[in-house]
Amino acid sequence: MSHDVDELGFEPAVSATGADPERPALSRKRTRKPWRRRVASGMALLVALGAVGGIYTIFAGSSGANDSHTSQHDVDAGRLLYNTACITCHGANLQGVPGRGPSLIGVGSAAVYFQVSTGRMPASAQGGSMPRKTSKFDAEQIDQLGAFVESLGGGPQVPTGDLRVPDAQLGEGGELFRLNCASCHGSTGKGAPLSAGKNAPGLRSASDQQIYTAMLTGPANMPVFSDNQLTPQQKKEIVSYIQTLEASKDPGGNGLDRIGPVSEGLVIWILGIGALMIVILWIGAKT
């Protein structure tokens, strides 16, 4: 005896063919959901990466130096100077020459300023540590050389403006100097020998820009202090401390290069006793 679905009052769980009439729709939904989830996850990841990159670009500068707009005239003049004094060791395209000079790609105008203004470049001979000497180029020529090198390889720029901080911040500069610089340059900035016959030069004759560009570029054995290691403000604090240390005078007389109270006292004691013994012997000889 057959009955209608309406007469029974409910729908059968399984159709006469044995197939569930709602299952195809469910299967279609399930096949679409994973695809949509992948697209949504990918979009969220791209948005997050873009946000992180934007924040990093805003708050983490590349060099800590102010952007400088160089003219094409400076670049062309710098190319002539480079072809005259630098191309033999550093190559026509700044790629460097094995056994003569390293590549200059990415060093920027900051490295050019430090090396050329301190007379270390152009080098008169090969060596791992070049001594400071009088520069062969004037300030305008140094800027032109830096403009040319930067136009080809990019890199950190020479800082402009005031590189000093108020006297109230000299304490922070001294702490940073002792933490990052004194182990090589000495507690007074006089310089000190390193291993393998190398040495850290003294800072007594360095200008504000030379100290700052050295931190930006890491010449010779010196490490590079990026803005993530030392912020531009901290670099200025170190510059101010070094220059104040050099300019200030010790109260009460000569501090013997500020080698420390114990060492200075020992030197004075030995020299004083020696001088006293010489006077005693001289008096005895006379009498």
C-alpha atoms as a PDB file:
ATOM      1  CA  MET A   1       0.000   0.000   0.000  1.00  0.00           C
ATOM      2  CA  SER A   2       1.536   3.333  -1.092  1.00  0.00           C
ATOM      3  CA  HIS A   3       1.227   6.666   0.705  1.00  0.00           C
ATOM      4  CA  ASP A   4       2.019  10.205  -0.379  1.00  0.00           C
ATOM      5  CA  VAL A   5       4.715  12.241   1.472  1.00  0.00           C
ATOM      6  CA  ASP A   6       2.073  14.851   2.312  1.00  0.00           C
ATOM      7  CA  GLU A   7      -0.227  12.200   3.632  1.00  0.00           C
ATOM      8  CA  LEU A   8       2.424  10.750   5.946  1.00  0.00           C
ATOM      9  CA  GLY A   9       3.382  14.200   7.278  1.00  0.00           C
ATOM     10  CA  PHE A  10       7.164  13.895   6.867  1.00  0.00           C
ATOM     11  CA  GLU A  11       9.752  13.629   4.154  1.00  0.00           C
ATOM     12  CA  PRO A  12      11.692  10.452   3.815  1.00  0.00           C
ATOM     13  CA  ALA A  13      15.343  10.600   4.983  1.00  0.00           C
ATOM     14  CA  VAL A  14      16.472   8.887   1.793  1.00  0.00           C
ATOM     15  CA  SER A  15      14.943   9.267  -1.635  1.00  0.00           C
ATOM     16  CA  ALA A  16      13.684   6.394  -3.611  1.00  0.00           C
ATOM     17  CA  THR A  17      16.984   6.280  -5.507  1.00  0.00           C
ATOM     18  CA  GLY A  18      19.012   6.123  -2.272  1.00  0.00           C
ATOM     19  CA  ALA A  19      20.575   9.596  -2.690  1.00  0.00           C
ATOM     20  CA  ASP A  20      20.288  12.490  -0.278  1.00  0.00           C
ATOM     21  CA  PRO A  21      18.732  15.449  -2.090  1.00  0.00           C
ATOM     22  CA  GLU A  22      20.620  18.019   0.079  1.00  0.00           C
ATOM     23  CA  ARG A  23      24.070  16.440  -0.189  1.00  0.00           C
ATOM     24  CA  PRO A  24      25.096  17.940  -3.546  1.00  0.00           C
ATOM     25  CA  ALA A  25      24.577  21.469  -2.221  1.00  0.00           C
ATOM     26  CA  LEU A  26      26.618  20.704   0.894  1.00  0.00           C
ATOM     27  CA  SER A  27      29.412  19.176  -1.140  1.00  0.00           C
ATOM     28  CA  ARG A  28      29.518  22.263  -3.360  1.00  0.00           C
ATOM     29  CA  LYS A  29      29.814  24.527  -0.299  1.00  0.00           C
ATOM     30  CA  ARG A  30      32.608  22.406   1.163  1.00  0.00           C
ATOM     31  CA  THR A  31      34.623  22.561  -2.047  1.00  0.00           C
ATOM     32  CA  ARG A  32      34.344  26.330  -2.167  1.00  0.00           C
ATOM     33  CA  LYS A  33      35.289  27.093   1.463  1.00  0.00           C
ATOM     34  CA  PRO A  34      38.988  25.972   1.360  1.00  0.00           C
ATOM     35  CA  TRP A  35      39.616  28.063  -1.780  1.00  0.00           C
ATOM     36  CA  ARG A  36      38.065  31.132  -0.201  1.00  0.00           C
ATOM     37  CA  ARG A  37      40.026  30.613   2.999  1.00  0.00           C
ATOM     38  CA  ARG A  38      43.313  30.433   1.092  1.00  0.00           C
ATOM     39  CA  VAL A  39      42.576  33.656  -0.773  1.00  0.00           C
ATOM     40  CA  ALA A  40      41.548  35.448   2.416  1.00  0.00           C
ATOM     41  CA  SER A  41      44.663  34.220   4.271  1.00  0.00           C
ATOM     42  CA  GLY A  42      46.898  35.333   1.413  1.00  0.00           C
ATOM     43  CA  MET A  43      45.347  38.779   1.310  1.00  0.00           C
ATOM     44  CA  ALA A  44      45.693  39.163   5.085  1.00  0.00           C
ATOM     45  CA  LEU A  45      49.359  38.136   4.890  1.00  0.00           C
ATOM     46  CA  LEU A  46      50.069  40.661   2.117  1.00  0.00           C
ATOM     47  CA  VAL A  47      48.386  43.451   4.075  1.00  0.00           C
ATOM     48  CA  ALA A  48      50.357  42.572   7.228  1.00  0.00           C
ATOM     49  CA  LEU A  49      53.686  42.485   5.344  1.00  0.00           C
ATOM     50  CA  GLY A  50      52.919  45.808   3.692  1.00  0.00           C
ATOM     51  CA  ALA A  51      52.073  47.394   7.031  1.00  0.00           C
ATOM     52  CA  VAL A  52      55.278  46.106   8.662  1.00  0.00           C
ATOM     53  CA  GLY A  53      57.386  47.318   5.721  1.00  0.00           C
ATOM     54  CA  GLY A  54      55.785  50.750   5.833  1.00  0.00           C
ATOM     55  CA  ILE A  55      56.356  51.120   9.568  1.00  0.00           C
ATOM     56  CA  TYR A  56      59.987  50.020   9.226  1.00  0.00           C
ATOM     57  CA  THR A  57      60.579  52.482   6.381  1.00  0.00           C
ATOM     58  CA  ILE A  58      59.213  55.339   8.463  1.00  0.00           C
ATOM     59  CA  PHE A  59      61.033  54.646  11.727  1.00  0.00           C
ATOM     60  CA  ALA A  60      64.303  53.034  10.561  1.00  0.00           C
ATOM     61  CA  GLY A  61      66.329  55.302   8.301  1.00  0.00           C
ATOM     62  CA  SER A  62      69.060  53.866   6.176  1.00  0.00           C
ATOM     63  CA  SER A  63      71.945  56.140   7.099  1.00  0.00           C
ATOM     64  CA  GLY A  64      70.875  58.761   9.585  1.00  0.00           C
ATOM     65  CA  ALA A  65      72.063  61.450   7.195  1.00  0.00           C
ATOM     66  CA  ASN A  66      69.967  64.156   5.671  1.00  0.00           C
ATOM     67  CA  ASP A  67      69.080  63.697   2.019  1.00  0.00           C
ATOM     68  CA  SER A  68      71.200  65.891  -0.203  1.00  0.00           C
ATOM     69  CA  HIS A  69      70.299  66.701  -3.773  1.00  0.00           C
ATOM     70  CA  THR A  70      73.457  66.746  -5.875  1.00  0.00           C
ATOM     71  CA  SER A  71      73.563  68.359  -9.289  1.00  0.00           C
ATOM     72  CA  GLN A  72      74.596  66.691 -12.513  1.00  0.00           C
ATOM     73  CA  HIS A  73      77.512  69.127 -12.653  1.00  0.00           C
ATOM     74  CA  ASP A  74      78.885  67.712  -9.380  1.00  0.00           C
ATOM     75  CA  VAL A  75      78.464  64.156 -10.653  1.00  0.00           C
ATOM     76  CA  ASP A  76      80.284  64.947 -13.914  1.00  0.00           C
ATOM     77  CA  ALA A  77      83.089  66.762 -12.103  1.00  0.00           C
ATOM     78  CA  GLY A  78      83.377  63.861  -9.660  1.00  0.00           C
ATOM     79  CA  ARG A  79      83.640  61.406 -12.572  1.00  0.00           C
ATOM     80  CA  LEU A  80      86.654  63.317 -13.941  1.00  0.00           C
ATOM     81  CA  LEU A  81      88.339  63.289 -10.529  1.00  0.00           C
ATOM     82  CA  TYR A  82      87.589  59.598 -10.096  1.00  0.00           C
ATOM     83  CA  ASN A  83      89.028  58.708 -13.500  1.00  0.00           C
ATOM     84  CA  THR A  84      92.175  60.623 -12.602  1.00  0.00           C
ATOM     85  CA  ALA A  85      92.842  59.442  -9.047  1.00  0.00           C
ATOM     86  CA  CYS A  86      90.730  56.358  -8.247  1.00  0.00           C
ATOM     87  CA  ILE A  87      89.959  54.259 -11.314  1.00  0.00           C
ATOM     88  CA  THR A  88      93.251  52.336 -11.247  1.00  0.00           C
ATOM     89  CA  CYS A  89      92.458  50.658  -7.927  1.00  0.00           C
ATOM     90  CA  HIS A  90      88.651  50.723  -7.812  1.00  0.00           C
ATOM     91  CA  GLY A  91      87.732  50.036 -11.445  1.00  0.00           C
ATOM     92  CA  ALA A  92      85.751  51.907 -14.063  1.00  0.00           C
ATOM     93  CA  ASN A  93      82.389  50.939 -12.573  1.00  0.00           C
ATOM     94  CA  LEU A  94      83.343  50.988  -8.866  1.00  0.00           C
ATOM     95  CA  GLN A  95      83.578  47.190  -8.967  1.00  0.00           C
ATOM     96  CA  GLY A  96      87.049  47.130  -7.419  1.00  0.00           C
ATOM     97  CA  VAL A  97      90.275  45.598  -8.703  1.00  0.00           C
ATOM     98  CA  PRO A  98      91.579  42.379  -7.078  1.00  0.00           C
ATOM     99  CA  GLY A  99      94.811  42.993  -5.242  1.00  0.00           C
ATOM    100  CA  ARG A 100      94.498  46.773  -5.558  1.00  0.00           C
ATOM    101  CA  GLY A 101      91.290  48.168  -4.101  1.00  0.00           C
ATOM    102  CA  PRO A 102      87.852  47.068  -2.878  1.00  0.00           C
ATOM    103  CA  SER A 103      84.520  47.723  -4.522  1.00  0.00           C
ATOM    104  CA  LEU A 104      82.904  51.090  -3.832  1.00  0.00           C
ATOM    105  CA  ILE A 105      79.369  50.000  -4.703  1.00  0.00           C
ATOM    106  CA  GLY A 106      77.110  50.900  -1.782  1.00  0.00           C
ATOM    107  CA  VAL A 107      79.679  52.829   0.270  1.00  0.00           C
ATOM    108  CA  GLY A 108      78.003  56.158  -0.491  1.00  0.00           C
ATOM    109  CA  SER A 109      79.348  59.669  -0.189  1.00  0.00           C
ATOM    110  CA  ALA A 110      79.940  59.125   3.552  1.00  0.00           C
ATOM    111  CA  ALA A 111      82.798  56.675   2.961  1.00  0.00           C
ATOM    112  CA  VAL A 112      84.280  58.906   0.267  1.00  0.00           C
ATOM    113  CA  TYR A 113      84.204  61.885   2.608  1.00  0.00           C
ATOM    114  CA  PHE A 114      85.923  60.045   5.453  1.00  0.00           C
ATOM    115  CA  GLN A 115      88.646  58.417   3.368  1.00  0.00           C
ATOM    116  CA  VAL A 116      89.464  61.432   1.195  1.00  0.00           C
ATOM    117  CA  SER A 117      89.095  64.217   3.766  1.00  0.00           C
ATOM    118  CA  THR A 118      91.468  62.411   6.145  1.00  0.00           C
ATOM    119  CA  GLY A 119      94.024  61.915   3.370  1.00  0.00           C
ATOM    120  CA  ARG A 120      93.839  58.129   3.549  1.00  0.00           C
ATOM    121  CA  MET A 121      92.722  58.032  -0.063  1.00  0.00           C
ATOM    122  CA  PRO A 122      94.109  58.122  -2.681  1.00  0.00           C
ATOM    123  CA  ALA A 123      96.548  55.696  -1.107  1.00  0.00           C
ATOM    124  CA  SER A 124     100.233  55.951  -1.937  1.00  0.00           C
ATOM    125  CA  ALA A 125     100.825  52.251  -1.234  1.00  0.00           C
ATOM    126  CA  GLN A 126      98.919  49.066  -0.459  1.00  0.00           C
ATOM    127  CA  GLY A 127      98.162  48.352   3.186  1.00  0.00           C
ATOM    128  CA  GLY A 128      95.467  47.312   5.622  1.00  0.00           C
ATOM    129  CA  SER A 129      95.565  50.490   7.689  1.00  0.00           C
ATOM    130  CA  MET A 130      96.241  53.832   6.050  1.00  0.00           C
ATOM    131  CA  PRO A 131      97.629  56.665   8.190  1.00  0.00           C
ATOM    132  CA  ARG A 132      95.984  60.056   8.348  1.00  0.00           C
ATOM    133  CA  LYS A 133      97.627  62.778   6.263  1.00  0.00           C
ATOM    134  CA  THR A 134      96.805  66.017   4.491  1.00  0.00           C
ATOM    135  CA  SER A 135      94.063  65.611   1.909  1.00  0.00           C
ATOM    136  CA  LYS A 136      94.930  66.054  -1.776  1.00  0.00           C
ATOM    137  CA  PHE A 137      91.478  67.442  -2.554  1.00  0.00           C
ATOM    138  CA  ASP A 138      89.603  70.462  -1.281  1.00  0.00           C
ATOM    139  CA  ALA A 139      86.098  70.384   0.200  1.00  0.00           C
ATOM    140  CA  GLU A 140      84.343  70.994  -3.134  1.00  0.00           C
ATOM    141  CA  GLN A 141      86.257  68.225  -4.883  1.00  0.00           C
ATOM    142  CA  ILE A 142      85.516  65.807  -2.056  1.00  0.00           C
ATOM    143  CA  ASP A 143      81.803  66.540  -2.383  1.00  0.00           C
ATOM    144  CA  GLN A 144      82.009  65.985  -6.139  1.00  0.00           C
ATOM    145  CA  LEU A 145      83.763  62.652  -5.729  1.00  0.00           C
ATOM    146  CA  GLY A 146      81.126  61.593  -3.222  1.00  0.00           C
ATOM    147  CA  ALA A 147      78.331  62.674  -5.567  1.00  0.00           C
ATOM    148  CA  PHE A 148      79.741  60.528  -8.378  1.00  0.00           C
ATOM    149  CA  VAL A 149      80.241  57.421  -6.236  1.00  0.00           C
ATOM    150  CA  GLU A 150      76.790  57.772  -4.730  1.00  0.00           C
ATOM    151  CA  SER A 151      75.172  58.256  -8.149  1.00  0.00           C
ATOM    152  CA  LEU A 152      76.418  54.825  -9.258  1.00  0.00           C
ATOM    153  CA  GLY A 153      76.321  52.711  -6.125  1.00  0.00           C
ATOM    154  CA  GLY A 154      74.139  54.491  -3.575  1.00  0.00           C
ATOM    155  CA  GLY A 155      74.874  54.181   0.129  1.00  0.00           C
ATOM    156  CA  PRO A 156      74.933  56.390   3.238  1.00  0.00           C
ATOM    157  CA  GLN A 157      75.253  60.118   2.743  1.00  0.00           C
ATOM    158  CA  VAL A 158      77.404  62.683   4.482  1.00  0.00           C
ATOM    159  CA  PRO A 159      75.433  64.138   7.431  1.00  0.00           C
ATOM    160  CA  THR A 160      74.631  67.821   7.325  1.00  0.00           C
ATOM    161  CA  GLY A 161      73.647  70.344   9.937  1.00  0.00           C
ATOM    162  CA  ASP A 162      74.702  70.526  13.552  1.00  0.00           C
ATOM    163  CA  LEU A 163      76.168  67.242  14.820  1.00  0.00           C
ATOM    164  CA  ARG A 164      76.461  68.302  18.464  1.00  0.00           C
ATOM    165  CA  VAL A 165      74.070  67.910  21.391  1.00  0.00           C
ATOM    166  CA  PRO A 166      73.591  70.126  24.459  1.00  0.00           C
ATOM    167  CA  ASP A 167      76.065  69.763  27.319  1.00  0.00           C
ATOM    168  CA  ALA A 168      73.368  68.123  29.430  1.00  0.00           C
ATOM    169  CA  GLN A 169      73.587  65.039  27.184  1.00  0.00           C
ATOM    170  CA  LEU A 170      77.365  64.596  27.368  1.00  0.00           C
ATOM    171  CA  GLY A 171      76.939  61.955  30.057  1.00  0.00           C
ATOM    172  CA  GLU A 172      75.027  59.730  27.645  1.00  0.00           C
ATOM    173  CA  GLY A 173      77.727  60.321  25.037  1.00  0.00           C
ATOM    174  CA  GLY A 174      80.450  59.292  27.473  1.00  0.00           C
ATOM    175  CA  GLU A 175      78.611  56.109  28.388  1.00  0.00           C
ATOM    176  CA  LEU A 176      78.111  55.209  24.721  1.00  0.00           C
ATOM    177  CA  PHE A 177      81.761  55.974  23.948  1.00  0.00           C
ATOM    178  CA  ARG A 178      83.031  53.736  26.741  1.00  0.00           C
ATOM    179  CA  LEU A 179      80.665  50.958  25.664  1.00  0.00           C
ATOM    180  CA  ASN A 180      81.300  51.048  21.901  1.00  0.00           C
ATOM    181  CA  CYS A 181      84.570  52.893  21.203  1.00  0.00           C
ATOM    182  CA  ALA A 182      86.975  52.909  24.153  1.00  0.00           C
ATOM    183  CA  SER A 183      87.995  49.246  23.786  1.00  0.00           C
ATOM    184  CA  CYS A 184      89.771  50.111  20.502  1.00  0.00           C
ATOM    185  CA  HIS A 185      90.412  53.862  20.553  1.00  0.00           C
ATOM    186  CA  GLY A 186      91.298  54.055  24.256  1.00  0.00           C
ATOM    187  CA  SER A 187      89.421  55.728  27.060  1.00  0.00           C
ATOM    188  CA  THR A 188      90.796  59.133  26.028  1.00  0.00           C
ATOM    189  CA  GLY A 189      90.425  58.674  22.247  1.00  0.00           C
ATOM    190  CA  LYS A 190      94.167  58.681  21.714  1.00  0.00           C
ATOM    191  CA  GLY A 191      94.125  55.402  19.776  1.00  0.00           C
ATOM    192  CA  ALA A 192      95.556  52.002  20.617  1.00  0.00           C
ATOM    193  CA  PRO A 193      97.244  49.037  18.924  1.00  0.00           C
ATOM    194  CA  LEU A 194      95.162  46.061  17.825  1.00  0.00           C
ATOM    195  CA  SER A 195      96.063  42.483  16.979  1.00  0.00           C
ATOM    196  CA  ALA A 196      97.955  41.384  13.845  1.00  0.00           C
ATOM    197  CA  GLY A 197      99.920  44.637  13.665  1.00  0.00           C
ATOM    198  CA  LYS A 198      96.831  46.796  13.182  1.00  0.00           C
ATOM    199  CA  ASN A 199      95.865  49.836  15.170  1.00  0.00           C
ATOM    200  CA  ALA A 200      92.864  52.005  15.965  1.00  0.00           C
ATOM    201  CA  PRO A 201      93.718  55.622  15.096  1.00  0.00           C
ATOM    202  CA  GLY A 202      93.435  58.500  17.502  1.00  0.00           C
ATOM    203  CA  LEU A 203      90.425  60.785  17.384  1.00  0.00           C
ATOM    204  CA  ARG A 204      92.171  63.986  18.413  1.00  0.00           C
ATOM    205  CA  SER A 205      92.280  65.564  14.949  1.00  0.00           C
ATOM    206  CA  ALA A 206      88.965  64.247  13.611  1.00  0.00           C
ATOM    207  CA  SER A 207      86.141  66.645  12.756  1.00  0.00           C
ATOM    208  CA  ASP A 208      82.495  66.123  13.629  1.00  0.00           C
ATOM    209  CA  GLN A 209      81.653  64.825  10.159  1.00  0.00           C
ATOM    210  CA  GLN A 210      84.689  62.533  10.068  1.00  0.00           C
ATOM    211  CA  ILE A 211      83.697  60.871  13.344  1.00  0.00           C
ATOM    212  CA  TYR A 212      80.069  60.544  12.236  1.00  0.00           C
ATOM    213  CA  THR A 213      80.908  59.148   8.772  1.00  0.00           C
ATOM    214  CA  ALA A 214      83.336  56.673  10.340  1.00  0.00           C
ATOM    215  CA  MET A 215      80.478  55.279  12.429  1.00  0.00           C
ATOM    216  CA  LEU A 216      78.281  55.108   9.324  1.00  0.00           C
ATOM    217  CA  THR A 217      80.792  53.299   7.100  1.00  0.00           C
ATOM    218  CA  GLY A 218      83.178  51.361   9.359  1.00  0.00           C
ATOM    219  CA  PRO A 219      86.574  52.065   7.743  1.00  0.00           C
ATOM    220  CA  ALA A 220      89.385  49.493   7.999  1.00  0.00           C
ATOM    221  CA  ASN A 221      88.836  47.377  11.139  1.00  0.00           C
ATOM    222  CA  MET A 222      86.028  49.472  12.556  1.00  0.00           C
ATOM    223  CA  PRO A 223      82.514  47.957  12.565  1.00  0.00           C
ATOM    224  CA  VAL A 224      79.585  49.721  10.925  1.00  0.00           C
ATOM    225  CA  PHE A 225      77.169  51.237  13.445  1.00  0.00           C
ATOM    226  CA  SER A 226      73.816  51.296  11.685  1.00  0.00           C
ATOM    227  CA  ASP A 227      70.882  53.309  12.976  1.00  0.00           C
ATOM    228  CA  ASN A 228      69.534  50.118  14.563  1.00  0.00           C
ATOM    229  CA  GLN A 229      72.689  49.892  16.702  1.00  0.00           C
ATOM    230  CA  LEU A 230      73.310  53.584  17.338  1.00  0.00           C
ATOM    231  CA  THR A 231      70.568  56.047  16.482  1.00  0.00           C
ATOM    232  CA  PRO A 232      71.481  59.380  14.835  1.00  0.00           C
ATOM    233  CA  GLN A 233      70.926  61.064  18.199  1.00  0.00           C
ATOM    234  CA  GLN A 234      73.325  58.647  19.912  1.00  0.00           C
ATOM    235  CA  LYS A 235      75.942  59.200  17.206  1.00  0.00           C
ATOM    236  CA  LYS A 236      75.711  62.933  17.837  1.00  0.00           C
ATOM    237  CA  GLU A 237      76.118  62.331  21.573  1.00  0.00           C
ATOM    238  CA  ILE A 238      79.319  60.375  20.925  1.00  0.00           C
ATOM    239  CA  VAL A 239      80.628  63.095  18.603  1.00  0.00           C
ATOM    240  CA  SER A 240      79.931  65.753  21.223  1.00  0.00           C
ATOM    241  CA  TYR A 241      81.636  63.761  23.966  1.00  0.00           C
ATOM    242  CA  ILE A 242      84.790  63.132  21.903  1.00  0.00           C
ATOM    243  CA  GLN A 243      85.112  66.767  20.864  1.00  0.00           C
ATOM    244  CA  THR A 244      84.437  68.033  24.396  1.00  0.00           C
ATOM    245  CA  LEU A 245      87.011  65.598  25.754  1.00  0.00           C
ATOM    246  CA  GLU A 246      89.574  66.988  23.359  1.00  0.00           C
ATOM    247  CA  ALA A 247      88.748  70.649  23.959  1.00  0.00           C
ATOM    248  CA  SER A 248      88.477  70.607  27.759  1.00  0.00           C
ATOM    249  CA  LYS A 249      91.499  71.226  29.968  1.00  0.00           C
ATOM    250  CA  ASP A 250      92.336  69.388  33.156  1.00  0.00           C
ATOM    251  CA  PRO A 251      92.017  71.553  36.267  1.00  0.00           C
ATOM    252  CA  GLY A 252      95.192  71.762  38.328  1.00  0.00           C
ATOM    253  CA  GLY A 253      97.730  71.152  35.594  1.00  0.00           C
ATOM    254  CA  ASN A 254      98.658  68.556  32.995  1.00  0.00           C
ATOM    255  CA  GLY A 255      96.732  65.312  33.388  1.00  0.00           C
ATOM    256  CA  LEU A 256      99.376  63.195  31.571  1.00  0.00           C
ATOM    257  CA  ASP A 257      97.022  62.438  28.707  1.00  0.00           C
ATOM    258  CA  ARG A 258      94.318  61.387  31.202  1.00  0.00           C
ATOM    259  CA  ILE A 259      95.672  57.888  31.604  1.00  0.00           C
ATOM    260  CA  GLY A 260      93.984  57.657  35.010  1.00  0.00           C
ATOM    261  CA  PRO A 261      94.649  58.769  38.590  1.00  0.00           C
ATOM    262  CA  VAL A 262      96.467  55.576  39.647  1.00  0.00           C
ATOM    263  CA  SER A 263      98.740  55.483  36.607  1.00  0.00           C
ATOM    264  CA  GLU A 264      99.384  59.215  36.763  1.00  0.00           C
ATOM    265  CA  GLY A 265     100.231  59.000  40.473  1.00  0.00           C
ATOM    266  CA  LEU A 266     102.643  56.134  39.838  1.00  0.00           C
ATOM    267  CA  VAL A 267     104.405  58.047  37.061  1.00  0.00           C
ATOM    268  CA  ILE A 268     104.707  61.158  39.218  1.00  0.00           C
ATOM    269  CA  TRP A 269     106.022  59.117  42.157  1.00  0.00           C
ATOM    270  CA  ILE A 270     108.705  57.347  40.105  1.00  0.00           C
ATOM    271  CA  LEU A 271     109.807  60.507  38.333  1.00  0.00           C
ATOM    272  CA  GLY A 272     109.702  62.506  41.555  1.00  0.00           C
ATOM    273  CA  ILE A 273     111.796  59.988  43.510  1.00  0.00           C
ATOM    274  CA  GLY A 274     114.249  59.697  40.619  1.00  0.00           C
ATOM    275  CA  ALA A 275     114.631  63.470  40.386  1.00  0.00           C
ATOM    276  CA  LEU A 276     115.078  63.698  44.168  1.00  0.00           C
ATOM    277  CA  MET A 277     117.831  61.042  44.134  1.00  0.00           C
ATOM    278  CA  ILE A 278     119.656  62.891  41.350  1.00  0.00           C
ATOM    279  CA  VAL A 279     119.552  66.123  43.368  1.00  0.00           C
ATOM    280  CA  ILE A 280     120.832  64.335  46.479  1.00  0.00           C
ATOM    281  CA  LEU A 281     123.717  62.754  44.590  1.00  0.00           C
ATOM    282  CA  TRP A 282     124.590  66.072  42.954  1.00  0.00           C
ATOM    283  CA  ILE A 283     124.661  67.865  46.316  1.00  0.00           C
ATOM    284  CA  GLY A 284     126.757  65.104  47.800  1.00  0.00           C
ATOM    285  CA  ALA A 285     129.247  65.326  44.957  1.00  0.00           C
ATOM    286  CA  LYS A 286     129.542  69.067  45.412  1.00  0.00           C
ATOM    287  CA  THR A 287     130.157  68.864  49.140  1.00  0.00           C
END
